[in-house]
């Protein structure tokens, strides 16, 4: 079968996690280290009525969340005598690529 040595193909299937009906998460690259693409330039086709309703619901929920959180009073947290700027947050904060 000489034709098998002429070309090499590697097929990789990576299913995305389903976030919700009609919601699509676009990746800006396939593998870590790949060049990123500008996902804002992707033609996403027409927007369905359910997507518009979801967006409207999301915006309303976000507005309500902002109203709720703006009324909250700051709460001091006891850090065990350690000043906040001395806390080691490296295990908590994940650096983005």
C-alpha atoms as a PDB file:
ATOM      1  CA  UNK A   1       0.000   0.000   0.000  1.00  0.00           C
ATOM      2  CA  UNK A   2       2.361   2.755  -1.167  1.00  0.00           C
ATOM      3  CA  UNK A   3      -0.339   5.435  -1.048  1.00  0.00           C
ATOM      4  CA  UNK A   4      -0.305   5.257   2.751  1.00  0.00           C
ATOM      5  CA  UNK A   5       3.220   6.675   2.909  1.00  0.00           C
ATOM      6  CA  UNK A   6       2.520   9.622   0.595  1.00  0.00           C
ATOM      7  CA  UNK A   7       0.386  11.617   3.045  1.00  0.00           C
ATOM      8  CA  UNK A   8      -0.095  11.608   6.757  1.00  0.00           C
ATOM      9  CA  UNK A   9      -3.276  12.712   8.408  1.00  0.00           C
ATOM     10  CA  UNK A  10      -4.075  13.025  12.067  1.00  0.00           C
ATOM     11  CA  UNK A  11      -7.722  13.496  12.971  1.00  0.00           C
ATOM     12  CA  UNK A  12      -8.461  14.849  16.426  1.00  0.00           C
ATOM     13  CA  UNK A  13     -12.001  15.189  17.780  1.00  0.00           C
ATOM     14  CA  UNK A  14     -12.435  17.493  20.750  1.00  0.00           C
ATOM     15  CA  UNK A  15     -16.033  17.781  21.897  1.00  0.00           C
ATOM     16  CA  UNK A  16     -16.846  21.036  23.623  1.00  0.00           C
ATOM     17  CA  UNK A  17     -18.725  21.180  26.892  1.00  0.00           C
ATOM     18  CA  UNK A  18     -22.373  22.064  26.277  1.00  0.00           C
ATOM     19  CA  UNK A  19     -23.084  25.353  28.037  1.00  0.00           C
ATOM     20  CA  UNK A  20     -26.723  25.703  27.066  1.00  0.00           C
ATOM     21  CA  UNK A  21     -29.135  25.448  24.190  1.00  0.00           C
ATOM     22  CA  UNK A  22     -28.131  27.776  21.384  1.00  0.00           C
ATOM     23  CA  UNK A  23     -24.986  28.942  23.177  1.00  0.00           C
ATOM     24  CA  UNK A  24     -21.670  28.514  21.419  1.00  0.00           C
ATOM     25  CA  UNK A  25     -18.256  29.062  22.949  1.00  0.00           C
ATOM     26  CA  UNK A  26     -15.676  29.912  20.311  1.00  0.00           C
ATOM     27  CA  UNK A  27     -12.063  28.932  20.934  1.00  0.00           C
ATOM     28  CA  UNK A  28      -9.365  31.385  19.869  1.00  0.00           C
ATOM     29  CA  UNK A  29      -6.954  28.493  19.261  1.00  0.00           C
ATOM     30  CA  UNK A  30      -7.028  24.712  19.226  1.00  0.00           C
ATOM     31  CA  UNK A  31      -3.870  23.911  21.185  1.00  0.00           C
ATOM     32  CA  UNK A  32      -1.909  25.819  23.793  1.00  0.00           C
ATOM     33  CA  UNK A  33       0.973  27.442  21.944  1.00  0.00           C
ATOM     34  CA  UNK A  34      -0.957  27.845  18.673  1.00  0.00           C
ATOM     35  CA  UNK A  35      -1.386  31.315  17.225  1.00  0.00           C
ATOM     36  CA  UNK A  36      -4.616  32.913  18.407  1.00  0.00           C
ATOM     37  CA  UNK A  37      -7.288  33.996  15.956  1.00  0.00           C
ATOM     38  CA  UNK A  38      -9.623  36.972  16.270  1.00  0.00           C
ATOM     39  CA  UNK A  39     -12.901  35.226  17.102  1.00  0.00           C
ATOM     40  CA  UNK A  40     -14.819  38.501  16.765  1.00  0.00           C
ATOM     41  CA  UNK A  41     -14.426  38.130  12.972  1.00  0.00           C
ATOM     42  CA  UNK A  42     -16.187  34.747  12.823  1.00  0.00           C
ATOM     43  CA  UNK A  43     -19.502  34.847  10.945  1.00  0.00           C
ATOM     44  CA  UNK A  44     -21.910  33.358  13.431  1.00  0.00           C
ATOM     45  CA  UNK A  45     -24.884  33.366  11.084  1.00  0.00           C
ATOM     46  CA  UNK A  46     -28.302  34.599  11.997  1.00  0.00           C
ATOM     47  CA  UNK A  47     -29.268  34.980  15.606  1.00  0.00           C
ATOM     48  CA  UNK A  48     -32.278  32.880  16.557  1.00  0.00           C
ATOM     49  CA  UNK A  49     -35.198  34.185  18.594  1.00  0.00           C
ATOM     50  CA  UNK A  50     -34.178  31.951  21.506  1.00  0.00           C
ATOM     51  CA  UNK A  51     -30.654  33.422  21.427  1.00  0.00           C
ATOM     52  CA  UNK A  52     -32.096  36.935  21.485  1.00  0.00           C
ATOM     53  CA  UNK A  53     -34.355  35.976  24.401  1.00  0.00           C
ATOM     54  CA  UNK A  54     -31.388  34.444  26.240  1.00  0.00           C
ATOM     55  CA  UNK A  55     -29.351  37.629  25.700  1.00  0.00           C
ATOM     56  CA  UNK A  56     -32.233  39.750  26.954  1.00  0.00           C
ATOM     57  CA  UNK A  57     -32.645  37.540  30.036  1.00  0.00           C
ATOM     58  CA  UNK A  58     -28.892  37.624  30.657  1.00  0.00           C
ATOM     59  CA  UNK A  59     -28.780  41.421  30.485  1.00  0.00           C
ATOM     60  CA  UNK A  60     -31.730  41.720  32.898  1.00  0.00           C
ATOM     61  CA  UNK A  61     -30.153  39.249  35.341  1.00  0.00           C
ATOM     62  CA  UNK A  62     -26.838  41.117  35.140  1.00  0.00           C
ATOM     63  CA  UNK A  63     -28.613  44.419  35.821  1.00  0.00           C
ATOM     64  CA  UNK A  64     -30.354  42.904  38.867  1.00  0.00           C
ATOM     65  CA  UNK A  65     -27.053  41.456  40.110  1.00  0.00           C
ATOM     66  CA  UNK A  66     -25.344  44.851  39.825  1.00  0.00           C
ATOM     67  CA  UNK A  67     -28.194  46.519  41.726  1.00  0.00           C
ATOM     68  CA  UNK A  68     -28.025  43.865  44.455  1.00  0.00           C
ATOM     69  CA  UNK A  69     -24.246  43.987  44.857  1.00  0.00           C
ATOM     70  CA  UNK A  70     -24.108  47.795  44.809  1.00  0.00           C
ATOM     71  CA  UNK A  71     -26.222  47.836  47.984  1.00  0.00           C
ATOM     72  CA  UNK A  72     -23.931  45.435  49.870  1.00  0.00           C
ATOM     73  CA  UNK A  73     -21.640  46.749  52.567  1.00  0.00           C
ATOM     74  CA  UNK A  74     -17.998  45.589  52.466  1.00  0.00           C
ATOM     75  CA  UNK A  75     -17.250  42.797  54.940  1.00  0.00           C
ATOM     76  CA  UNK A  76     -13.886  42.556  56.644  1.00  0.00           C
ATOM     77  CA  UNK A  77     -12.425  39.045  56.633  1.00  0.00           C
ATOM     78  CA  UNK A  78     -10.081  37.859  59.369  1.00  0.00           C
ATOM     79  CA  UNK A  79      -6.878  36.663  57.703  1.00  0.00           C
ATOM     80  CA  UNK A  80      -5.391  35.307  60.904  1.00  0.00           C
ATOM     81  CA  UNK A  81      -3.242  38.338  61.607  1.00  0.00           C
ATOM     82  CA  UNK A  82      -1.642  38.360  58.146  1.00  0.00           C
ATOM     83  CA  UNK A  83      -1.877  41.591  56.175  1.00  0.00           C
ATOM     84  CA  UNK A  84      -3.772  41.133  52.891  1.00  0.00           C
ATOM     85  CA  UNK A  85      -0.718  42.148  50.849  1.00  0.00           C
ATOM     86  CA  UNK A  86       1.296  39.401  52.600  1.00  0.00           C
ATOM     87  CA  UNK A  87      -1.097  36.564  51.698  1.00  0.00           C
ATOM     88  CA  UNK A  88       0.213  33.929  49.295  1.00  0.00           C
ATOM     89  CA  UNK A  89      -2.453  33.849  46.607  1.00  0.00           C
ATOM     90  CA  UNK A  90      -0.444  31.809  44.083  1.00  0.00           C
ATOM     91  CA  UNK A  91      -2.486  28.689  44.818  1.00  0.00           C
ATOM     92  CA  UNK A  92      -5.747  30.596  44.379  1.00  0.00           C
ATOM     93  CA  UNK A  93      -5.072  32.851  41.413  1.00  0.00           C
ATOM     94  CA  UNK A  94      -4.597  31.141  38.043  1.00  0.00           C
ATOM     95  CA  UNK A  95      -2.495  33.042  35.555  1.00  0.00           C
ATOM     96  CA  UNK A  96      -4.000  33.362  32.057  1.00  0.00           C
ATOM     97  CA  UNK A  97      -1.939  32.484  29.014  1.00  0.00           C
END
